[in-house]
Amino acid sequence: MKRLLSINNYHYRRGGSDVVYLDHAALMEEQGWSNGFFSMHHPKNFETPWSQYFIDEIEFGHAYSVGQKLAMASKVVYSFEAQKKLKRLLQDFPADVAHLHCIYHHLSPSIIPTLRDAGVPVVMTAHDLKIACPAYKMLNNTGVCEKCKGGNLLNVVQHRCVRDSLAASAIVMVESTVHRMLNTYQGKLDKVVVPSRFFMEKFVEWGWSRDKFAYIPNYVDSTRFEPGYTPGDYFLYFGRLAPEKGVATLMRAAKAAGVKLKIAGTGPIEAELHALQQELGGDIEFLGYQSGATLHALIREARAMVLPSEWYENAPMSVLESFALGTPVIGANIGGIPEMVLDGETGWTFASRDVVGLTELLARVAAMPAATMETTGRNARHHVASHFNRAGYLQATLELYASLGVKH
């Protein structure tokens, strides 16, 4: 029986990357693999016997003393605690392969050489742009930013790229500088999984070797989604309410187009968006956090789901879930979105940040005949079932592991 060690900051379904971490492990277990987990203690974690190896919780939004903050800052850069606990885990669970997801700022990249020193092949899924951009997103207050491509990481501090905080940006700059000097990522990762071809090309632009990457798109098991093809009378955004998601652009466009919009989710700019709604008026409804069957019903009954992103999105699970439910997607033409939303076939695309363009597109889709909307929804469902499925993901993963000497 082969042993897979899955590693991620959180051991619960906090966001898309955490879902992939847990679902990937479950999929491998179905294939007869033995699973081990390494993560951080957190009140919302799923119960697991592996928690005996987890590192202490680090949550930067909590109230800490100056000494505690300094200790946490040092762990962000290089966590000796994570190395020590991981070594103990590997003694009890000699993994055949380690698959890393989001490890930054909590577990820290220091665990990568620990795994290599133990002779464990190391794979990381790039859920974001962190291995190139210190601030994850290639985004700051001015919009999309690639200023660090030339290697000058002082830009991170100059533009306060992390939470608009001088202190947080400085810590992250130091972290990235240290691990570039140690060649932690390019030198010690065996393979990087990219869910979008866009991410692969972007990393290559930033100096990575193309042969370091394996393109394995995310998947949904469409058999678990009950589609509906009758178009509804509203457009839907669901997800995090954060600046890079472009929700304010969508609200302005919805108002200008005179269409009904529902927004499901929470996040750091929720209050700002509510204030914008008071200013705009219009038929816009905030639904708060939604999940499970309630969320699926919202998506299924929408005319289209809208993803108005204003950063380099990777391969959003929200698109795949909408397709599986038979709902077309209107997506910004940025990052990996155009690889998923085929314009005029499974949905429609518009130029990111273009309020006028989105306004015109919303009005056009709102006026489309029901038969056109139904055909587009069926195309979307067929597309996700054909190209973003469980069997393809599993085969590509097993081939990747086999290329590293881990035969199933």
Protein backbone atom coordinates (compact mmCIF):
# COMPACT_ATOMS: atom_id res chain seq x y z
CA MET A 1 0.00 0.00 0.00
CA LYS A 2 1.41 3.36 -1.07
CA ARG A 3 1.51 6.18 1.47
CA LEU A 4 0.46 9.74 0.56
CA LEU A 5 1.26 12.62 2.90
CA SER A 6 -1.04 15.59 2.22
CA ILE A 7 0.08 18.94 3.63
CA ASN A 8 -1.95 22.14 4.00
CA ASN A 9 -2.29 25.01 6.49
CA TYR A 10 -5.88 24.16 7.42
CA HIS A 11 -7.56 20.79 7.95
CA TYR A 12 -11.11 21.90 7.18
CA ARG A 13 -12.99 23.21 4.15
CA ARG A 14 -12.04 26.85 4.52
CA GLY A 15 -11.61 27.72 0.85
CA GLY A 16 -11.12 26.20 -2.58
CA SER A 17 -7.54 25.04 -1.99
CA ASP A 18 -8.54 23.34 1.26
CA VAL A 19 -11.35 21.51 -0.54
CA VAL A 20 -8.86 20.25 -3.15
CA TYR A 21 -6.48 19.12 -0.37
CA LEU A 22 -9.16 17.04 1.36
CA ASP A 23 -10.86 15.74 -1.77
CA HIS A 24 -7.54 14.73 -3.34
CA ALA A 25 -6.66 12.66 -0.28
CA ALA A 26 -10.12 11.04 -0.27
CA LEU A 27 -9.77 10.17 -3.95
CA MET A 28 -6.39 8.51 -3.38
CA GLU A 29 -7.77 6.58 -0.42
CA GLU A 30 -10.45 5.18 -2.73
CA GLN A 31 -7.60 3.86 -4.89
CA GLY A 32 -6.17 1.96 -1.93
CA TRP A 33 -3.57 4.50 -0.80
CA SER A 34 -2.85 5.12 2.88
CA ASN A 35 -3.27 8.78 3.88
CA GLY A 36 -1.31 10.90 6.32
CA PHE A 37 -1.91 14.58 7.03
CA PHE A 38 0.23 17.47 8.24
CA SER A 39 -1.39 20.80 9.09
CA MET A 40 -1.91 23.47 11.76
CA HIS A 41 -4.16 23.24 14.81
CA HIS A 42 -7.38 25.22 14.34
CA PRO A 43 -10.73 25.17 16.15
CA LYS A 44 -12.58 24.36 12.92
CA ASN A 45 -10.32 21.46 11.89
CA PHE A 46 -11.91 18.08 11.26
CA GLU A 47 -11.01 15.63 13.99
CA THR A 48 -8.08 13.45 12.99
CA PRO A 49 -5.47 11.31 14.79
CA TRP A 50 -2.86 13.14 12.71
CA SER A 51 -3.43 16.29 14.79
CA GLN A 52 -0.81 15.02 17.27
CA TYR A 53 1.77 16.15 14.69
CA PHE A 54 0.16 19.50 13.79
CA ILE A 55 1.90 22.80 14.55
CA ASP A 56 0.50 25.40 16.94
CA GLU A 57 -2.14 27.73 15.59
CA ILE A 58 -1.00 30.99 14.00
CA GLU A 59 -3.78 33.45 13.22
CA PHE A 60 -2.56 36.95 12.47
CA GLY A 61 -5.88 38.65 13.13
CA HIS A 62 -5.84 37.68 16.80
CA ALA A 63 -4.56 39.85 19.66
CA TYR A 64 -0.98 38.92 20.52
CA SER A 65 1.81 40.45 22.59
CA VAL A 66 4.84 41.97 20.88
CA GLY A 67 6.89 38.89 21.76
CA GLN A 68 4.28 36.56 20.31
CA LYS A 69 4.11 38.63 17.12
CA LEU A 70 7.89 38.45 16.70
CA ALA A 71 7.84 34.70 17.23
CA MET A 72 5.09 34.33 14.63
CA ALA A 73 6.98 36.54 12.18
CA SER A 74 10.02 34.27 12.48
CA LYS A 75 7.83 31.21 11.83
CA VAL A 76 6.46 32.82 8.68
CA VAL A 77 9.99 33.04 7.34
CA TYR A 78 11.25 29.66 8.58
CA SER A 79 9.42 27.36 10.98
CA PHE A 80 11.70 25.10 13.00
CA GLU A 81 8.61 23.88 14.84
CA ALA A 82 7.11 22.64 11.58
CA GLN A 83 10.36 20.91 10.63
CA LYS A 84 10.62 19.17 14.01
CA LYS A 85 7.03 17.92 14.01
CA LEU A 86 7.19 16.84 10.38
CA LYS A 87 10.33 14.80 11.08
CA ARG A 88 8.49 13.02 13.90
CA LEU A 89 5.54 12.31 11.60
CA LEU A 90 7.83 10.89 8.89
CA GLN A 91 9.38 8.51 11.42
CA ASP A 92 5.92 7.07 12.09
CA PHE A 93 4.63 7.40 8.51
CA PRO A 94 7.40 6.99 5.90
CA ALA A 95 5.55 8.60 3.00
CA ASP A 96 6.10 7.52 -0.61
CA VAL A 97 5.14 11.00 -1.84
CA ALA A 98 4.23 14.31 -0.22
CA HIS A 99 1.64 16.53 -1.89
CA LEU A 100 1.67 20.14 -0.68
CA HIS A 101 -1.14 22.64 -1.09
CA CYS A 102 -1.12 26.01 0.76
CA ILE A 103 1.75 26.06 3.27
CA TYR A 104 2.81 29.72 3.35
CA HIS A 105 2.83 31.88 6.50
CA HIS A 106 1.86 28.97 8.77
CA LEU A 107 3.74 25.74 7.99
CA SER A 108 6.26 27.77 5.93
CA PRO A 109 8.42 26.58 2.99
CA SER A 110 11.00 25.26 5.51
CA ILE A 111 9.21 21.89 5.37
CA ILE A 112 10.22 21.36 1.71
CA PRO A 113 13.92 20.63 2.42
CA THR A 114 12.84 18.48 5.40
CA LEU A 115 10.87 16.26 3.03
CA ARG A 116 13.70 16.15 0.48
CA ASP A 117 16.24 15.25 3.17
CA ALA A 118 13.97 12.34 4.14
CA GLY A 119 14.00 11.11 0.54
CA VAL A 120 10.32 11.89 -0.06
CA PRO A 121 9.35 13.15 -3.55
CA VAL A 122 7.69 16.55 -3.18
CA VAL A 123 4.76 17.77 -5.30
CA MET A 124 3.04 21.11 -4.77
CA THR A 125 -0.23 22.30 -6.30
CA ALA A 126 -0.01 26.00 -7.20
CA HIS A 127 -3.37 27.27 -5.99
CA ASP A 128 -2.03 30.82 -6.26
CA LEU A 129 1.00 32.68 -7.63
CA LYS A 130 3.07 32.66 -4.44
CA ILE A 131 6.06 30.72 -5.83
CA ALA A 132 6.62 33.72 -8.13
CA CYS A 133 4.89 36.69 -6.47
CA PRO A 134 5.64 37.18 -2.74
CA ALA A 135 2.12 38.56 -2.21
CA TYR A 136 0.34 35.60 -3.88
CA LYS A 137 -1.82 37.46 -6.37
CA MET A 138 0.29 39.69 -8.62
CA LEU A 139 -2.08 42.41 -7.45
CA ASN A 140 -1.88 45.59 -5.39
CA ASN A 141 -3.97 48.73 -4.89
CA THR A 142 -3.22 49.86 -8.44
CA GLY A 143 -4.43 46.61 -10.03
CA VAL A 144 -2.52 43.70 -11.59
CA CYS A 145 1.18 44.03 -10.74
CA GLU A 146 4.26 42.14 -11.93
CA LYS A 147 6.93 44.54 -10.66
CA CYS A 148 8.84 41.79 -8.80
CA LYS A 149 9.42 39.81 -12.01
CA GLY A 150 12.86 41.37 -12.33
CA GLY A 151 13.82 40.15 -8.87
CA ASN A 152 13.54 43.37 -6.83
CA LEU A 153 11.33 42.31 -3.92
CA LEU A 154 11.49 45.74 -2.30
CA ASN A 155 8.41 46.46 -4.39
CA VAL A 156 6.41 44.39 -1.91
CA VAL A 157 7.18 46.88 0.87
CA GLN A 158 7.04 49.96 -1.33
CA HIS A 159 3.50 49.14 -2.48
CA ARG A 160 2.40 47.46 0.79
CA CYS A 161 1.23 44.50 -1.23
CA VAL A 162 0.19 42.35 1.74
CA ARG A 163 -3.03 43.60 3.38
CA ASP A 164 -1.86 47.18 2.72
CA SER A 165 0.34 46.70 5.80
CA LEU A 166 3.97 47.84 6.00
CA ALA A 167 4.81 45.24 8.68
CA ALA A 168 3.10 42.31 6.95
CA SER A 169 4.63 43.27 3.61
CA ALA A 170 8.11 43.48 5.15
CA ILE A 171 7.79 40.02 6.74
CA VAL A 172 6.66 38.50 3.46
CA MET A 173 9.48 40.23 1.56
CA VAL A 174 12.02 38.73 3.98
CA GLU A 175 10.38 35.30 3.70
CA SER A 176 10.50 35.35 -0.10
CA THR A 177 14.07 36.68 -0.14
CA VAL A 178 15.28 33.91 2.21
CA HIS A 179 13.66 31.14 0.19
CA ARG A 180 14.91 32.53 -3.10
CA MET A 181 18.42 32.51 -1.64
CA LEU A 182 17.93 28.93 -0.42
CA ASN A 183 16.39 27.97 -3.78
CA THR A 184 13.62 26.27 -1.81
CA TYR A 185 10.98 26.18 -4.54
CA GLN A 186 12.76 25.79 -7.85
CA GLY A 187 15.55 23.68 -6.39
CA LYS A 188 13.72 21.38 -3.98
CA LEU A 189 10.21 20.83 -5.39
CA ASP A 190 10.10 17.84 -7.73
CA LYS A 191 6.96 18.94 -9.56
CA VAL A 192 4.42 21.77 -9.42
CA VAL A 193 0.83 20.97 -10.39
CA VAL A 194 -0.91 23.84 -12.18
CA PRO A 195 -4.72 23.71 -12.55
CA SER A 196 -4.60 26.26 -15.39
CA ARG A 197 -2.31 26.60 -18.38
CA PHE A 198 -2.28 30.34 -17.72
CA PHE A 199 -0.44 29.79 -14.42
CA MET A 200 2.14 27.60 -16.11
CA GLU A 201 2.85 30.23 -18.74
CA LYS A 202 3.04 32.97 -16.10
CA PHE A 203 5.56 31.00 -14.01
CA VAL A 204 7.68 30.35 -17.11
CA GLU A 205 7.62 34.11 -17.83
CA TRP A 206 8.97 34.60 -14.31
CA GLY A 207 11.95 32.32 -14.92
CA TRP A 208 10.73 28.82 -14.09
CA SER A 209 11.59 25.84 -16.29
CA ARG A 210 8.58 24.47 -18.15
CA ASP A 211 9.48 20.86 -17.32
CA LYS A 212 8.91 21.60 -13.62
CA PHE A 213 5.15 21.70 -14.18
CA ALA A 214 2.31 19.25 -14.65
CA TYR A 215 -1.00 20.59 -15.91
CA ILE A 216 -3.80 18.85 -14.01
CA PRO A 217 -7.10 20.77 -14.09
CA ASN A 218 -9.41 20.73 -11.08
CA TYR A 219 -12.48 18.56 -11.35
CA VAL A 220 -15.99 18.10 -10.05
CA ASP A 221 -17.89 14.83 -9.98
CA SER A 222 -20.79 16.02 -12.14
CA THR A 223 -22.80 12.89 -11.30
CA ARG A 224 -23.30 14.39 -7.84
CA PHE A 225 -24.86 17.58 -9.24
CA GLU A 226 -28.48 17.70 -10.39
CA PRO A 227 -28.58 20.18 -13.28
CA GLY A 228 -31.43 22.46 -14.25
CA TYR A 229 -31.65 24.14 -17.64
CA THR A 230 -34.61 26.49 -17.27
CA PRO A 231 -33.11 30.01 -17.15
CA GLY A 232 -33.98 32.11 -14.14
CA ASP A 233 -34.63 35.84 -13.93
CA TYR A 234 -31.52 36.83 -11.94
CA PHE A 235 -27.75 36.79 -12.24
CA LEU A 236 -25.67 35.34 -9.40
CA TYR A 237 -22.26 35.97 -7.89
CA PHE A 238 -21.14 33.58 -5.18
CA GLY A 239 -17.80 33.59 -3.43
CA ARG A 240 -15.55 35.78 -1.36
CA LEU A 241 -16.30 39.49 -1.12
CA ALA A 242 -12.78 40.80 -1.67
CA PRO A 243 -11.42 43.64 -3.85
CA GLU A 244 -9.87 41.37 -6.49
CA LYS A 245 -13.18 39.63 -7.16
CA GLY A 246 -14.64 42.61 -9.02
CA VAL A 247 -18.02 42.56 -7.26
CA ALA A 248 -18.28 46.38 -7.26
CA THR A 249 -17.80 46.37 -11.04
CA LEU A 250 -20.58 43.77 -11.34
CA MET A 251 -22.93 45.79 -9.12
CA ARG A 252 -22.45 48.93 -11.22
CA ALA A 253 -23.00 46.96 -14.42
CA ALA A 254 -26.12 45.23 -13.07
CA LYS A 255 -27.61 48.57 -12.07
CA ALA A 256 -26.82 50.11 -15.48
CA ALA A 257 -28.25 47.08 -17.32
CA GLY A 258 -31.38 47.05 -15.20
CA VAL A 259 -31.03 43.36 -14.29
CA LYS A 260 -31.60 41.51 -11.02
CA LEU A 261 -28.44 40.44 -9.16
CA LYS A 262 -28.01 38.16 -6.15
CA ILE A 263 -24.74 38.09 -4.21
CA ALA A 264 -23.91 35.12 -1.96
CA GLY A 265 -20.83 35.29 0.24
CA THR A 266 -18.95 37.22 2.89
CA GLY A 267 -15.57 38.88 3.03
CA PRO A 268 -13.46 41.90 3.95
CA ILE A 269 -15.25 44.47 1.75
CA GLU A 270 -18.78 43.38 2.61
CA ALA A 271 -19.58 46.68 4.37
CA GLU A 272 -18.21 48.70 1.43
CA LEU A 273 -20.38 46.75 -1.00
CA HIS A 274 -23.49 47.30 1.15
CA ALA A 275 -22.69 51.03 1.15
CA LEU A 276 -22.30 50.94 -2.64
CA GLN A 277 -25.71 49.29 -2.88
CA GLN A 278 -27.26 52.14 -0.87
CA GLU A 279 -25.68 54.58 -3.31
CA LEU A 280 -26.63 52.70 -6.48
CA GLY A 281 -30.07 51.39 -5.67
CA GLY A 282 -31.01 48.81 -8.25
CA ASP A 283 -32.30 45.26 -7.86
CA ILE A 284 -29.36 43.83 -5.90
CA GLU A 285 -29.79 41.38 -3.03
CA PHE A 286 -27.13 40.26 -0.55
CA LEU A 287 -27.73 36.72 0.70
CA GLY A 288 -24.75 36.26 3.03
CA TYR A 289 -22.84 32.98 3.20
CA GLN A 290 -24.58 30.10 1.43
CA SER A 291 -23.54 26.48 1.03
CA GLY A 292 -24.73 22.98 0.23
CA ALA A 293 -28.18 22.37 -1.28
CA THR A 294 -29.26 25.99 -0.75
CA LEU A 295 -26.31 27.31 -2.76
CA HIS A 296 -26.80 24.67 -5.46
CA ALA A 297 -30.44 25.73 -5.84
CA LEU A 298 -29.37 29.38 -6.18
CA ILE A 299 -26.90 28.48 -8.92
CA ARG A 300 -29.26 26.10 -10.72
CA GLU A 301 -32.06 28.66 -10.82
CA ALA A 302 -29.89 31.59 -11.94
CA ARG A 303 -29.87 32.82 -15.50
CA ALA A 304 -26.07 32.86 -15.35
CA MET A 305 -23.33 32.94 -12.76
CA VAL A 306 -21.04 35.95 -13.08
CA LEU A 307 -17.32 35.87 -12.21
CA PRO A 308 -16.09 39.47 -12.67
CA SER A 309 -12.51 38.88 -11.42
CA GLU A 310 -9.90 41.62 -11.53
CA TRP A 311 -6.81 39.48 -10.82
CA TYR A 312 -5.16 36.45 -12.38
CA GLU A 313 -7.68 33.81 -11.36
CA ASN A 314 -6.33 30.27 -11.52
CA ALA A 315 -9.08 27.72 -12.20
CA PRO A 316 -12.09 28.67 -10.07
CA MET A 317 -14.13 25.78 -8.70
CA SER A 318 -17.16 28.08 -8.83
CA VAL A 319 -17.10 27.84 -12.64
CA LEU A 320 -16.98 24.04 -12.60
CA GLU A 321 -19.77 23.81 -10.03
CA SER A 322 -21.97 26.18 -12.04
CA PHE A 323 -21.38 24.18 -15.22
CA ALA A 324 -22.20 20.93 -13.41
CA LEU A 325 -25.53 22.46 -12.35
CA GLY A 326 -26.31 23.42 -15.94
CA THR A 327 -25.76 27.16 -15.45
CA PRO A 328 -23.73 29.22 -17.96
CA VAL A 329 -21.01 31.54 -16.69
CA ILE A 330 -20.20 35.14 -17.58
CA GLY A 331 -16.50 35.49 -16.81
CA ALA A 332 -13.86 38.19 -16.97
CA ASN A 333 -11.31 37.49 -19.68
CA ILE A 334 -8.38 37.20 -17.27
CA GLY A 335 -6.16 34.47 -15.85
CA GLY A 336 -7.41 30.92 -16.32
CA ILE A 337 -11.09 31.87 -16.74
CA PRO A 338 -11.08 31.88 -20.59
CA GLU A 339 -9.76 28.29 -20.54
CA MET A 340 -12.99 27.25 -18.83
CA VAL A 341 -15.62 29.70 -20.11
CA LEU A 342 -15.78 29.18 -23.87
CA ASP A 343 -17.26 32.39 -25.24
CA GLY A 344 -20.64 31.78 -26.87
CA GLU A 345 -20.55 28.08 -26.06
CA THR A 346 -20.54 27.50 -22.27
CA GLY A 347 -20.98 31.16 -21.36
CA TRP A 348 -19.59 34.55 -22.29
CA THR A 349 -16.49 36.62 -21.50
CA PHE A 350 -15.80 40.35 -21.16
CA ALA A 351 -12.75 42.51 -20.53
CA SER A 352 -11.87 42.58 -16.83
CA ARG A 353 -12.78 45.85 -15.05
CA ASP A 354 -14.89 46.99 -18.03
CA VAL A 355 -18.18 48.20 -16.52
CA VAL A 356 -19.58 49.27 -19.90
CA GLY A 357 -18.69 45.97 -21.55
CA LEU A 358 -20.21 43.96 -18.72
CA THR A 359 -23.32 46.14 -18.73
CA GLU A 360 -23.87 45.43 -22.43
CA LEU A 361 -23.23 41.70 -21.94
CA LEU A 362 -25.65 41.40 -18.98
CA ALA A 363 -28.36 43.15 -21.00
CA ARG A 364 -27.72 40.89 -23.99
CA VAL A 365 -27.83 37.68 -21.93
CA ALA A 366 -30.95 38.88 -20.09
CA ALA A 367 -32.69 39.26 -23.48
CA MET A 368 -31.62 35.91 -24.93
CA PRO A 369 -34.37 33.38 -25.74
CA ALA A 370 -34.90 30.59 -23.21
CA ALA A 371 -33.87 28.02 -25.85
CA THR A 372 -30.46 29.71 -26.29
CA MET A 373 -29.89 29.79 -22.54
CA GLU A 374 -30.87 26.14 -22.21
CA THR A 375 -28.50 25.10 -25.00
CA THR A 376 -25.65 27.06 -23.38
CA GLY A 377 -26.39 25.43 -20.01
CA ARG A 378 -26.34 21.97 -21.57
CA ASN A 379 -23.07 22.77 -23.34
CA ALA A 380 -21.61 23.85 -19.98
CA ARG A 381 -22.70 20.62 -18.30
CA HIS A 382 -21.24 18.52 -21.14
CA HIS A 383 -17.98 20.52 -21.08
CA VAL A 384 -17.34 19.98 -17.37
CA ALA A 385 -18.25 16.29 -17.58
CA SER A 386 -15.91 15.80 -20.55
CA HIS A 387 -12.89 17.91 -19.62
CA PHE A 388 -12.91 18.46 -15.84
CA ASN A 389 -13.79 15.03 -14.54
CA ARG A 390 -12.66 12.73 -11.76
CA ALA A 391 -11.22 10.05 -14.05
CA GLY A 392 -8.99 12.49 -15.92
CA TYR A 393 -7.75 14.07 -12.70
CA LEU A 394 -6.96 10.67 -11.18
CA GLN A 395 -5.15 9.38 -14.25
CA ALA A 396 -3.01 12.52 -14.54
CA THR A 397 -2.16 12.39 -10.82
CA LEU A 398 -1.15 8.72 -10.91
CA GLU A 399 0.99 9.37 -14.00
CA LEU A 400 2.67 12.26 -12.21
CA TYR A 401 3.43 10.19 -9.11
CA ALA A 402 4.70 7.34 -11.32
CA SER A 403 7.09 9.76 -13.06
CA LEU A 404 8.63 10.37 -9.62
CA GLY A 405 9.09 6.64 -9.06
CA VAL A 406 5.89 6.10 -7.05
CA LYS A 407 4.07 3.30 -8.85
CA HIS A 408 0.46 2.52 -7.89
